[in-house]
């Protein structure tokens, strides 16, 4: 599969910061599922990175994770870390868009 970035005005050799959200919304791993749901509703986010107190990414939670927890009748007073996905793909600010695409196997 080949992505034609140039048609959208992007250069695959640009830094990922060109397309990144530089003010991301994130939640702490100790916040409750309920408070993360409130954050999702207040911001319209579909996924939220989950961090430690030191702001290190340890997971991500999506609307699908929340729905799954609801269907399993999970206690929403539990920490978000109980339902987040820990298998997160991320990159460094110095990486190029091409590197990111390769990491996602989309180039």
PDB file of N, CA and C in Angstrom:
ATOM      1  N   UNK A   1       0.844  -1.168   0.000  1.00  0.00           N
ATOM      2  CA  UNK A   1       0.000   0.000   0.000  1.00  0.00           C
ATOM      3  C   UNK A   1       0.895   1.238   0.000  1.00  0.00           C
ATOM      4  N   UNK A   2       0.567   2.169  -0.817  1.00  0.00           N
ATOM      5  CA  UNK A   2       1.350   3.397  -0.895  1.00  0.00           C
ATOM      6  C   UNK A   2       0.447   4.586  -0.606  1.00  0.00           C
ATOM      7  N   UNK A   3       0.919   5.438   0.279  1.00  0.00           N
ATOM      8  CA  UNK A   3       0.183   6.649   0.632  1.00  0.00           C
ATOM      9  C   UNK A   3       0.746   7.800  -0.202  1.00  0.00           C
ATOM     10  N   UNK A   4      -0.116   8.530  -0.869  1.00  0.00           N
ATOM     11  CA  UNK A   4       0.327   9.647  -1.701  1.00  0.00           C
ATOM     12  C   UNK A   4       0.212  10.948  -0.907  1.00  0.00           C
ATOM     13  N   UNK A   5       1.170  11.154  -0.013  1.00  0.00           N
ATOM     14  CA  UNK A   5       1.154  12.323   0.860  1.00  0.00           C
ATOM     15  C   UNK A   5       1.262  13.622   0.102  1.00  0.00           C
ATOM     16  N   UNK A   6       2.066  13.607  -0.923  1.00  0.00           N
ATOM     17  CA  UNK A   6       2.325  14.836  -1.662  1.00  0.00           C
ATOM     18  C   UNK A   6       1.042  15.453  -2.217  1.00  0.00           C
ATOM     19  N   UNK A   7       0.041  14.627  -2.543  1.00  0.00           N
ATOM     20  CA  UNK A   7      -1.235  15.134  -3.046  1.00  0.00           C
ATOM     21  C   UNK A   7      -1.972  15.950  -1.988  1.00  0.00           C
ATOM     22  N   UNK A   8      -1.669  15.681  -0.718  1.00  0.00           N
ATOM     23  CA  UNK A   8      -2.312  16.432   0.359  1.00  0.00           C
ATOM     24  C   UNK A   8      -1.424  17.563   0.879  1.00  0.00           C
ATOM     25  N   UNK A   9      -0.308  17.798   0.180  1.00  0.00           N
ATOM     26  CA  UNK A   9       0.575  18.900   0.558  1.00  0.00           C
ATOM     27  C   UNK A   9       1.587  18.562   1.633  1.00  0.00           C
ATOM     28  N   UNK A  10       1.753  17.279   1.929  1.00  0.00           N
ATOM     29  CA  UNK A  10       2.731  16.858   2.938  1.00  0.00           C
ATOM     30  C   UNK A  10       3.972  16.279   2.283  1.00  0.00           C
ATOM     31  N   UNK A  11       5.074  16.447   2.944  1.00  0.00           N
ATOM     32  CA  UNK A  11       6.341  15.874   2.494  1.00  0.00           C
ATOM     33  C   UNK A  11       6.717  14.773   3.476  1.00  0.00           C
ATOM     34  N   UNK A  12       6.943  13.585   2.983  1.00  0.00           N
ATOM     35  CA  UNK A  12       7.230  12.458   3.876  1.00  0.00           C
ATOM     36  C   UNK A  12       8.526  12.615   4.649  1.00  0.00           C
ATOM     37  N   UNK A  13       9.347  13.590   4.283  1.00  0.00           N
ATOM     38  CA  UNK A  13      10.597  13.812   5.002  1.00  0.00           C
ATOM     39  C   UNK A  13      10.474  14.930   6.047  1.00  0.00           C
ATOM     40  N   UNK A  14       9.274  15.513   6.172  1.00  0.00           N
ATOM     41  CA  UNK A  14       9.017  16.483   7.240  1.00  0.00           C
ATOM     42  C   UNK A  14       8.986  15.763   8.585  1.00  0.00           C
ATOM     43  N   UNK A  15       9.249  16.498   9.637  1.00  0.00           N
ATOM     44  CA  UNK A  15       9.159  15.955  10.994  1.00  0.00           C
ATOM     45  C   UNK A  15       7.689  15.702  11.334  1.00  0.00           C
ATOM     46  N   UNK A  16       7.455  14.715  12.187  1.00  0.00           N
ATOM     47  CA  UNK A  16       6.081  14.377  12.571  1.00  0.00           C
ATOM     48  C   UNK A  16       5.392  15.540  13.274  1.00  0.00           C
ATOM     49  N   UNK A  17       6.164  16.461  13.814  1.00  0.00           N
ATOM     50  CA  UNK A  17       5.553  17.611  14.489  1.00  0.00           C
ATOM     51  C   UNK A  17       4.724  18.466  13.527  1.00  0.00           C
ATOM     52  N   UNK A  18       4.960  18.327  12.234  1.00  0.00           N
ATOM     53  CA  UNK A  18       4.166  19.079  11.251  1.00  0.00           C
ATOM     54  C   UNK A  18       2.698  18.636  11.261  1.00  0.00           C
ATOM     55  N   UNK A  19       2.458  17.379  11.596  1.00  0.00           N
ATOM     56  CA  UNK A  19       1.089  16.848  11.599  1.00  0.00           C
ATOM     57  C   UNK A  19       0.586  16.504  12.997  1.00  0.00           C
ATOM     58  N   UNK A  20       1.453  16.649  14.000  1.00  0.00           N
ATOM     59  CA  UNK A  20       1.093  16.255  15.367  1.00  0.00           C
ATOM     60  C   UNK A  20       0.284  17.330  16.080  1.00  0.00           C
ATOM     61  N   UNK A  21      -0.530  16.885  16.998  1.00  0.00           N
ATOM     62  CA  UNK A  21      -1.231  17.794  17.900  1.00  0.00           C
ATOM     63  C   UNK A  21      -0.243  18.151  19.004  1.00  0.00           C
ATOM     64  N   UNK A  22       0.166  19.406  19.065  1.00  0.00           N
ATOM     65  CA  UNK A  22       1.186  19.807  20.029  1.00  0.00           C
ATOM     66  C   UNK A  22       0.599  20.123  21.411  1.00  0.00           C
ATOM     67  N   UNK A  23      -0.707  20.072  21.550  1.00  0.00           N
ATOM     68  CA  UNK A  23      -1.371  20.268  22.843  1.00  0.00           C
ATOM     69  C   UNK A  23      -2.353  19.128  23.083  1.00  0.00           C
ATOM     70  N   UNK A  24      -1.836  17.900  23.192  1.00  0.00           N
ATOM     71  CA  UNK A  24      -2.747  16.752  23.297  1.00  0.00           C
ATOM     72  C   UNK A  24      -3.467  16.702  24.643  1.00  0.00           C
ATOM     73  N   UNK A  25      -4.622  16.106  24.615  1.00  0.00           N
ATOM     74  CA  UNK A  25      -5.369  15.817  25.827  1.00  0.00           C
ATOM     75  C   UNK A  25      -4.857  14.475  26.319  1.00  0.00           C
ATOM     76  N   UNK A  26      -4.615  14.352  27.599  1.00  0.00           N
ATOM     77  CA  UNK A  26      -4.195  13.069  28.153  1.00  0.00           C
ATOM     78  C   UNK A  26      -4.736  12.950  29.567  1.00  0.00           C
ATOM     79  N   UNK A  27      -4.779  11.734  30.073  1.00  0.00           N
ATOM     80  CA  UNK A  27      -5.258  11.477  31.431  1.00  0.00           C
ATOM     81  C   UNK A  27      -4.225  10.644  32.168  1.00  0.00           C
ATOM     82  N   UNK A  28      -4.280  10.709  33.476  1.00  0.00           N
ATOM     83  CA  UNK A  28      -3.371   9.952  34.328  1.00  0.00           C
ATOM     84  C   UNK A  28      -3.909   8.541  34.536  1.00  0.00           C
ATOM     85  N   UNK A  29      -3.007   7.585  34.632  1.00  0.00           N
ATOM     86  CA  UNK A  29      -3.392   6.182  34.771  1.00  0.00           C
ATOM     87  C   UNK A  29      -4.194   5.890  36.040  1.00  0.00           C
ATOM     88  N   UNK A  30      -4.150   6.789  37.025  1.00  0.00           N
ATOM     89  CA  UNK A  30      -4.878   6.575  38.270  1.00  0.00           C
ATOM     90  C   UNK A  30      -6.277   7.194  38.269  1.00  0.00           C
ATOM     91  N   UNK A  31      -6.582   7.990  37.240  1.00  0.00           N
ATOM     92  CA  UNK A  31      -7.926   8.559  37.143  1.00  0.00           C
ATOM     93  C   UNK A  31      -8.935   7.440  36.944  1.00  0.00           C
ATOM     94  N   UNK A  32     -10.144   7.668  37.400  1.00  0.00           N
ATOM     95  CA  UNK A  32     -11.177   6.636  37.244  1.00  0.00           C
ATOM     96  C   UNK A  32     -11.673   6.583  35.801  1.00  0.00           C
ATOM     97  N   UNK A  33     -12.247   5.475  35.470  1.00  0.00           N
ATOM     98  CA  UNK A  33     -12.851   5.322  34.144  1.00  0.00           C
ATOM     99  C   UNK A  33     -13.892   6.423  33.948  1.00  0.00           C
ATOM    100  N   UNK A  34     -14.673   6.682  34.996  1.00  0.00           N
ATOM    101  CA  UNK A  34     -15.712   7.708  34.916  1.00  0.00           C
ATOM    102  C   UNK A  34     -15.129   9.078  34.574  1.00  0.00           C
ATOM    103  N   UNK A  35     -14.032   9.491  35.212  1.00  0.00           N
ATOM    104  CA  UNK A  35     -13.470  10.817  34.930  1.00  0.00           C
ATOM    105  C   UNK A  35     -12.894  10.896  33.521  1.00  0.00           C
ATOM    106  N   UNK A  36     -12.381   9.786  33.005  1.00  0.00           N
ATOM    107  CA  UNK A  36     -11.880   9.777  31.626  1.00  0.00           C
ATOM    108  C   UNK A  36     -13.055   9.874  30.653  1.00  0.00           C
ATOM    109  N   UNK A  37     -14.155   9.229  30.966  1.00  0.00           N
ATOM    110  CA  UNK A  37     -15.360   9.365  30.137  1.00  0.00           C
ATOM    111  C   UNK A  37     -15.803  10.827  30.103  1.00  0.00           C
ATOM    112  N   UNK A  38     -15.787  11.488  31.241  1.00  0.00           N
ATOM    113  CA  UNK A  38     -16.135  12.910  31.276  1.00  0.00           C
ATOM    114  C   UNK A  38     -15.209  13.721  30.380  1.00  0.00           C
ATOM    115  N   UNK A  39     -13.914  13.415  30.399  1.00  0.00           N
ATOM    116  CA  UNK A  39     -12.945  14.119  29.551  1.00  0.00           C
ATOM    117  C   UNK A  39     -13.249  13.883  28.071  1.00  0.00           C
ATOM    118  N   UNK A  40     -13.589  12.656  27.726  1.00  0.00           N
ATOM    119  CA  UNK A  40     -13.952  12.329  26.343  1.00  0.00           C
ATOM    120  C   UNK A  40     -15.194  13.126  25.919  1.00  0.00           C
ATOM    121  N   UNK A  41     -16.197  13.164  26.782  1.00  0.00           N
ATOM    122  CA  UNK A  41     -17.426  13.895  26.462  1.00  0.00           C
ATOM    123  C   UNK A  41     -17.184  15.403  26.365  1.00  0.00           C
ATOM    124  N   UNK A  42     -16.332  15.937  27.233  1.00  0.00           N
ATOM    125  CA  UNK A  42     -16.062  17.378  27.237  1.00  0.00           C
ATOM    126  C   UNK A  42     -15.213  17.831  26.052  1.00  0.00           C
ATOM    127  N   UNK A  43     -14.358  16.953  25.554  1.00  0.00           N
ATOM    128  CA  UNK A  43     -13.425  17.351  24.493  1.00  0.00           C
ATOM    129  C   UNK A  43     -13.797  16.818  23.115  1.00  0.00           C
ATOM    130  N   UNK A  44     -14.635  15.795  23.074  1.00  0.00           N
ATOM    131  CA  UNK A  44     -14.967  15.182  21.792  1.00  0.00           C
ATOM    132  C   UNK A  44     -13.883  14.239  21.289  1.00  0.00           C
ATOM    133  N   UNK A  45     -12.915  13.931  22.139  1.00  0.00           N
ATOM    134  CA  UNK A  45     -11.827  13.014  21.750  1.00  0.00           C
ATOM    135  C   UNK A  45     -12.386  11.610  21.531  1.00  0.00           C
ATOM    136  N   UNK A  46     -11.753  10.876  20.625  1.00  0.00           N
ATOM    137  CA  UNK A  46     -12.149   9.482  20.394  1.00  0.00           C
ATOM    138  C   UNK A  46     -11.166   8.518  21.034  1.00  0.00           C
ATOM    139  N   UNK A  47     -10.012   9.056  21.390  1.00  0.00           N
ATOM    140  CA  UNK A  47      -8.993   8.255  22.078  1.00  0.00           C
ATOM    141  C   UNK A  47      -8.156   9.209  22.921  1.00  0.00           C
ATOM    142  N   UNK A  48      -7.677   8.712  24.050  1.00  0.00           N
ATOM    143  CA  UNK A  48      -6.889   9.558  24.945  1.00  0.00           C
ATOM    144  C   UNK A  48      -5.666   8.789  25.425  1.00  0.00           C
ATOM    145  N   UNK A  49      -4.477   9.378  25.258  1.00  0.00           N
ATOM    146  CA  UNK A  49      -3.278   8.754  25.826  1.00  0.00           C
ATOM    147  C   UNK A  49      -3.367   8.755  27.353  1.00  0.00           C
ATOM    148  N   UNK A  50      -2.834   7.712  27.950  1.00  0.00           N
ATOM    149  CA  UNK A  50      -2.813   7.593  29.407  1.00  0.00           C
ATOM    150  C   UNK A  50      -1.351   7.659  29.846  1.00  0.00           C
ATOM    151  N   UNK A  51      -1.092   8.493  30.851  1.00  0.00           N
ATOM    152  CA  UNK A  51       0.280   8.730  31.290  1.00  0.00           C
ATOM    153  C   UNK A  51       0.463   8.441  32.776  1.00  0.00           C
ATOM    154  N   UNK A  52       1.742   8.359  33.163  1.00  0.00           N
ATOM    155  CA  UNK A  52       2.100   8.287  34.573  1.00  0.00           C
ATOM    156  C   UNK A  52       2.115   9.706  35.122  1.00  0.00           C
ATOM    157  N   UNK A  53       2.381   9.842  36.385  1.00  0.00           N
ATOM    158  CA  UNK A  53       2.508  11.184  36.979  1.00  0.00           C
ATOM    159  C   UNK A  53       3.656  11.962  36.356  1.00  0.00           C
ATOM    160  N   UNK A  54       4.651  11.244  35.842  1.00  0.00           N
ATOM    161  CA  UNK A  54       5.802  11.891  35.203  1.00  0.00           C
ATOM    162  C   UNK A  54       5.542  12.181  33.726  1.00  0.00           C
ATOM    163  N   UNK A  55       4.303  12.011  33.286  1.00  0.00           N
ATOM    164  CA  UNK A  55       3.878  12.279  31.903  1.00  0.00           C
ATOM    165  C   UNK A  55       4.472  11.300  30.891  1.00  0.00           C
ATOM    166  N   UNK A  56       4.811  10.085  31.334  1.00  0.00           N
ATOM    167  CA  UNK A  56       5.286   9.045  30.427  1.00  0.00           C
ATOM    168  C   UNK A  56       4.072   8.266  29.923  1.00  0.00           C
ATOM    169  N   UNK A  57       3.975   8.073  28.617  1.00  0.00           N
ATOM    170  CA  UNK A  57       2.838   7.354  28.044  1.00  0.00           C
ATOM    171  C   UNK A  57       2.929   5.873  28.414  1.00  0.00           C
ATOM    172  N   UNK A  58       1.850   5.361  29.000  1.00  0.00           N
ATOM    173  CA  UNK A  58       1.799   3.949  29.385  1.00  0.00           C
ATOM    174  C   UNK A  58       0.648   3.206  28.719  1.00  0.00           C
ATOM    175  N   UNK A  59      -0.222   3.951  28.030  1.00  0.00           N
ATOM    176  CA  UNK A  59      -1.341   3.285  27.387  1.00  0.00           C
ATOM    177  C   UNK A  59      -2.205   4.280  26.631  1.00  0.00           C
ATOM    178  N   UNK A  60      -3.289   3.742  26.118  1.00  0.00           N
ATOM    179  CA  UNK A  60      -4.273   4.566  25.409  1.00  0.00           C
ATOM    180  C   UNK A  60      -5.640   3.957  25.668  1.00  0.00           C
ATOM    181  N   UNK A  61      -6.639   4.804  25.752  1.00  0.00           N
ATOM    182  CA  UNK A  61      -8.010   4.320  25.905  1.00  0.00           C
ATOM    183  C   UNK A  61      -8.843   4.923  24.782  1.00  0.00           C
ATOM    184  N   UNK A  62      -9.685   4.101  24.209  1.00  0.00           N
ATOM    185  CA  UNK A  62     -10.541   4.524  23.104  1.00  0.00           C
ATOM    186  C   UNK A  62     -12.004   4.408  23.519  1.00  0.00           C
ATOM    187  N   UNK A  63     -12.851   4.992  22.697  1.00  0.00           N
ATOM    188  CA  UNK A  63     -14.288   4.867  22.947  1.00  0.00           C
ATOM    189  C   UNK A  63     -14.689   3.389  22.940  1.00  0.00           C
ATOM    190  N   UNK A  64     -14.065   2.595  22.080  1.00  0.00           N
ATOM    191  CA  UNK A  64     -14.371   1.159  22.030  1.00  0.00           C
ATOM    192  C   UNK A  64     -14.001   0.476  23.354  1.00  0.00           C
ATOM    193  N   UNK A  65     -12.887   0.895  23.971  1.00  0.00           N
ATOM    194  CA  UNK A  65     -12.507   0.338  25.274  1.00  0.00           C
ATOM    195  C   UNK A  65     -13.563   0.659  26.326  1.00  0.00           C
ATOM    196  N   UNK A  66     -14.070   1.887  26.289  1.00  0.00           N
ATOM    197  CA  UNK A  66     -15.103   2.322  27.235  1.00  0.00           C
ATOM    198  C   UNK A  66     -16.389   1.513  27.022  1.00  0.00           C
ATOM    199  N   UNK A  67     -16.788   1.369  25.764  1.00  0.00           N
ATOM    200  CA  UNK A  67     -17.990   0.595  25.455  1.00  0.00           C
ATOM    201  C   UNK A  67     -17.833  -0.854  25.908  1.00  0.00           C
ATOM    202  N   UNK A  68     -16.679  -1.432  25.654  1.00  0.00           N
ATOM    203  CA  UNK A  68     -16.408  -2.804  26.075  1.00  0.00           C
ATOM    204  C   UNK A  68     -16.514  -2.933  27.602  1.00  0.00           C
ATOM    205  N   UNK A  69     -15.946  -1.964  28.322  1.00  0.00           N
ATOM    206  CA  UNK A  69     -16.023  -1.977  29.788  1.00  0.00           C
ATOM    207  C   UNK A  69     -17.474  -1.877  30.252  1.00  0.00           C
ATOM    208  N   UNK A  70     -18.250  -1.038  29.589  1.00  0.00           N
ATOM    209  CA  UNK A  70     -19.665  -0.892  29.920  1.00  0.00           C
ATOM    210  C   UNK A  70     -20.413  -2.218  29.714  1.00  0.00           C
ATOM    211  N   UNK A  71     -20.171  -2.854  28.587  1.00  0.00           N
ATOM    212  CA  UNK A  71     -20.852  -4.120  28.283  1.00  0.00           C
ATOM    213  C   UNK A  71     -20.444  -5.240  29.240  1.00  0.00           C
ATOM    214  N   UNK A  72     -19.213  -5.149  29.771  1.00  0.00           N
ATOM    215  CA  UNK A  72     -18.749  -6.138  30.762  1.00  0.00           C
ATOM    216  C   UNK A  72     -19.183  -5.758  32.177  1.00  0.00           C
ATOM    217  N   UNK A  73     -19.925  -4.646  32.286  1.00  0.00           N
ATOM    218  CA  UNK A  73     -20.415  -4.136  33.575  1.00  0.00           C
ATOM    219  C   UNK A  73     -19.261  -3.857  34.539  1.00  0.00           C
ATOM    220  N   UNK A  74     -18.214  -3.258  33.972  1.00  0.00           N
ATOM    221  CA  UNK A  74     -17.029  -2.869  34.738  1.00  0.00           C
ATOM    222  C   UNK A  74     -17.403  -1.761  35.721  1.00  0.00           C
ATOM    223  N   UNK A  75     -16.764  -1.733  36.874  1.00  0.00           N
ATOM    224  CA  UNK A  75     -16.956  -0.669  37.860  1.00  0.00           C
ATOM    225  C   UNK A  75     -16.230   0.578  37.363  1.00  0.00           C
ATOM    226  N   UNK A  76     -16.970   1.638  37.042  1.00  0.00           N
ATOM    227  CA  UNK A  76     -16.373   2.851  36.467  1.00  0.00           C
ATOM    228  C   UNK A  76     -15.638   3.693  37.513  1.00  0.00           C
ATOM    229  N   UNK A  77     -15.598   3.234  38.742  1.00  0.00           N
ATOM    230  CA  UNK A  77     -14.789   3.894  39.771  1.00  0.00           C
ATOM    231  C   UNK A  77     -13.380   3.305  39.839  1.00  0.00           C
ATOM    232  N   UNK A  78     -13.127   2.283  39.032  1.00  0.00           N
ATOM    233  CA  UNK A  78     -11.786   1.691  38.956  1.00  0.00           C
ATOM    234  C   UNK A  78     -10.869   2.614  38.153  1.00  0.00           C
ATOM    235  N   UNK A  79      -9.546   2.474  38.332  1.00  0.00           N
ATOM    236  CA  UNK A  79      -8.609   3.278  37.533  1.00  0.00           C
ATOM    237  C   UNK A  79      -8.706   2.938  36.047  1.00  0.00           C
ATOM    238  N   UNK A  80      -8.486   3.940  35.209  1.00  0.00           N
ATOM    239  CA  UNK A  80      -8.532   3.750  33.756  1.00  0.00           C
ATOM    240  C   UNK A  80      -7.501   2.714  33.315  1.00  0.00           C
ATOM    241  N   UNK A  81      -6.435   2.560  34.085  1.00  0.00           N
ATOM    242  CA  UNK A  81      -5.387   1.591  33.741  1.00  0.00           C
ATOM    243  C   UNK A  81      -5.912   0.158  33.680  1.00  0.00           C
ATOM    244  N   UNK A  82      -7.083  -0.103  34.281  1.00  0.00           N
ATOM    245  CA  UNK A  82      -7.636  -1.456  34.250  1.00  0.00           C
ATOM    246  C   UNK A  82      -8.242  -1.817  32.900  1.00  0.00           C
ATOM    247  N   UNK A  83      -8.545  -0.801  32.073  1.00  0.00           N
ATOM    248  CA  UNK A  83      -9.153  -1.108  30.771  1.00  0.00           C
ATOM    249  C   UNK A  83      -8.355  -0.571  29.588  1.00  0.00           C
ATOM    250  N   UNK A  84      -7.303   0.208  29.842  1.00  0.00           N
ATOM    251  CA  UNK A  84      -6.541   0.817  28.736  1.00  0.00           C
ATOM    252  C   UNK A  84      -5.725  -0.250  27.996  1.00  0.00           C
ATOM    253  N   UNK A  85      -5.400   0.058  26.762  1.00  0.00           N
ATOM    254  CA  UNK A  85      -4.497  -0.780  25.983  1.00  0.00           C
ATOM    255  C   UNK A  85      -3.075  -0.325  26.282  1.00  0.00           C
ATOM    256  N   UNK A  86      -2.216  -1.268  26.625  1.00  0.00           N
ATOM    257  CA  UNK A  86      -0.822  -0.936  26.950  1.00  0.00           C
ATOM    258  C   UNK A  86       0.096  -1.056  25.736  1.00  0.00           C
ATOM    259  N   UNK A  87      -0.412  -1.583  24.662  1.00  0.00           N
ATOM    260  CA  UNK A  87       0.377  -1.785  23.444  1.00  0.00           C
ATOM    261  C   UNK A  87       0.244  -0.550  22.556  1.00  0.00           C
ATOM    262  N   UNK A  88       1.062   0.453  22.824  1.00  0.00           N
ATOM    263  CA  UNK A  88       0.952   1.750  22.155  1.00  0.00           C
ATOM    264  C   UNK A  88       2.114   1.942  21.187  1.00  0.00           C
ATOM    265  N   UNK A  89       1.793   2.374  19.976  1.00  0.00           N
ATOM    266  CA  UNK A  89       2.822   2.720  18.995  1.00  0.00           C
ATOM    267  C   UNK A  89       3.034   4.223  19.085  1.00  0.00           C
ATOM    268  N   UNK A  90       4.276   4.632  19.252  1.00  0.00           N
ATOM    269  CA  UNK A  90       4.565   6.059  19.347  1.00  0.00           C
ATOM    270  C   UNK A  90       5.887   6.350  18.670  1.00  0.00           C
ATOM    271  N   UNK A  91       6.183   7.623  18.501  1.00  0.00           N
ATOM    272  CA  UNK A  91       7.430   8.022  17.868  1.00  0.00           C
ATOM    273  C   UNK A  91       8.003   9.234  18.574  1.00  0.00           C
ATOM    274  N   UNK A  92       9.192   9.613  18.196  1.00  0.00           N
ATOM    275  CA  UNK A  92       9.904  10.743  18.761  1.00  0.00           C
ATOM    276  C   UNK A  92       9.654  11.980  17.898  1.00  0.00           C
ATOM    277  N   UNK A  93       9.737  13.163  18.495  1.00  0.00           N
ATOM    278  CA  UNK A  93       9.501  14.402  17.744  1.00  0.00           C
ATOM    279  C   UNK A  93      10.489  14.592  16.602  1.00  0.00           C
ATOM    280  N   UNK A  94      11.628  13.964  16.657  1.00  0.00           N
ATOM    281  CA  UNK A  94      12.629  14.099  15.603  1.00  0.00           C
ATOM    282  C   UNK A  94      12.371  13.169  14.413  1.00  0.00           C
ATOM    283  N   UNK A  95      11.442  12.216  14.561  1.00  0.00           N
ATOM    284  CA  UNK A  95      11.153  11.276  13.484  1.00  0.00           C
ATOM    285  C   UNK A  95      10.435  11.962  12.328  1.00  0.00           C
ATOM    286  N   UNK A  96      10.602  11.397  11.141  1.00  0.00           N
ATOM    287  CA  UNK A  96       9.925  11.924   9.954  1.00  0.00           C
ATOM    288  C   UNK A  96       8.572  11.245   9.772  1.00  0.00           C
ATOM    289  N   UNK A  97       7.750  11.861   8.941  1.00  0.00           N
ATOM    290  CA  UNK A  97       6.456  11.261   8.607  1.00  0.00           C
ATOM    291  C   UNK A  97       6.684   9.903   7.950  1.00  0.00           C
ATOM    292  N   UNK A  98       7.710   9.782   7.116  1.00  0.00           N
ATOM    293  CA  UNK A  98       8.042   8.501   6.476  1.00  0.00           C
ATOM    294  C   UNK A  98       8.334   7.435   7.527  1.00  0.00           C
ATOM    295  N   UNK A  99       9.130   7.784   8.542  1.00  0.00           N
ATOM    296  CA  UNK A  99       9.438   6.829   9.605  1.00  0.00           C
ATOM    297  C   UNK A  99       8.155   6.369  10.290  1.00  0.00           C
ATOM    298  N   UNK A 100       7.271   7.316  10.574  1.00  0.00           N
ATOM    299  CA  UNK A 100       6.007   6.995  11.224  1.00  0.00           C
ATOM    300  C   UNK A 100       5.164   6.064  10.352  1.00  0.00           C
ATOM    301  N   UNK A 101       5.097   6.365   9.065  1.00  0.00           N
ATOM    302  CA  UNK A 101       4.338   5.503   8.145  1.00  0.00           C
ATOM    303  C   UNK A 101       4.929   4.096   8.107  1.00  0.00           C
ATOM    304  N   UNK A 102       6.252   4.012   8.111  1.00  0.00           N
ATOM    305  CA  UNK A 102       6.897   2.705   8.115  1.00  0.00           C
ATOM    306  C   UNK A 102       6.590   1.951   9.420  1.00  0.00           C
ATOM    307  N   UNK A 103       6.583   2.702  10.504  1.00  0.00           N
ATOM    308  CA  UNK A 103       6.269   2.088  11.793  1.00  0.00           C
ATOM    309  C   UNK A 103       4.850   1.532  11.790  1.00  0.00           C
ATOM    310  N   UNK A 104       3.944   2.259  11.138  1.00  0.00           N
ATOM    311  CA  UNK A 104       2.562   1.795  11.011  1.00  0.00           C
ATOM    312  C   UNK A 104       2.379   0.871   9.804  1.00  0.00           C
ATOM    313  N   UNK A 105       3.475   0.642   9.076  1.00  0.00           N
ATOM    314  CA  UNK A 105       3.459  -0.208   7.877  1.00  0.00           C
ATOM    315  C   UNK A 105       2.493   0.306   6.806  1.00  0.00           C
ATOM    316  N   UNK A 106       2.510   1.637   6.587  1.00  0.00           N
ATOM    317  CA  UNK A 106       1.612   2.238   5.611  1.00  0.00           C
ATOM    318  C   UNK A 106       2.333   2.834   4.419  1.00  0.00           C
ATOM    319  N   UNK A 107       3.652   2.880   4.434  1.00  0.00           N
ATOM    320  CA  UNK A 107       4.349   3.570   3.330  1.00  0.00           C
ATOM    321  C   UNK A 107       4.370   2.742   2.068  1.00  0.00           C
TER     322      UNK A 107
END
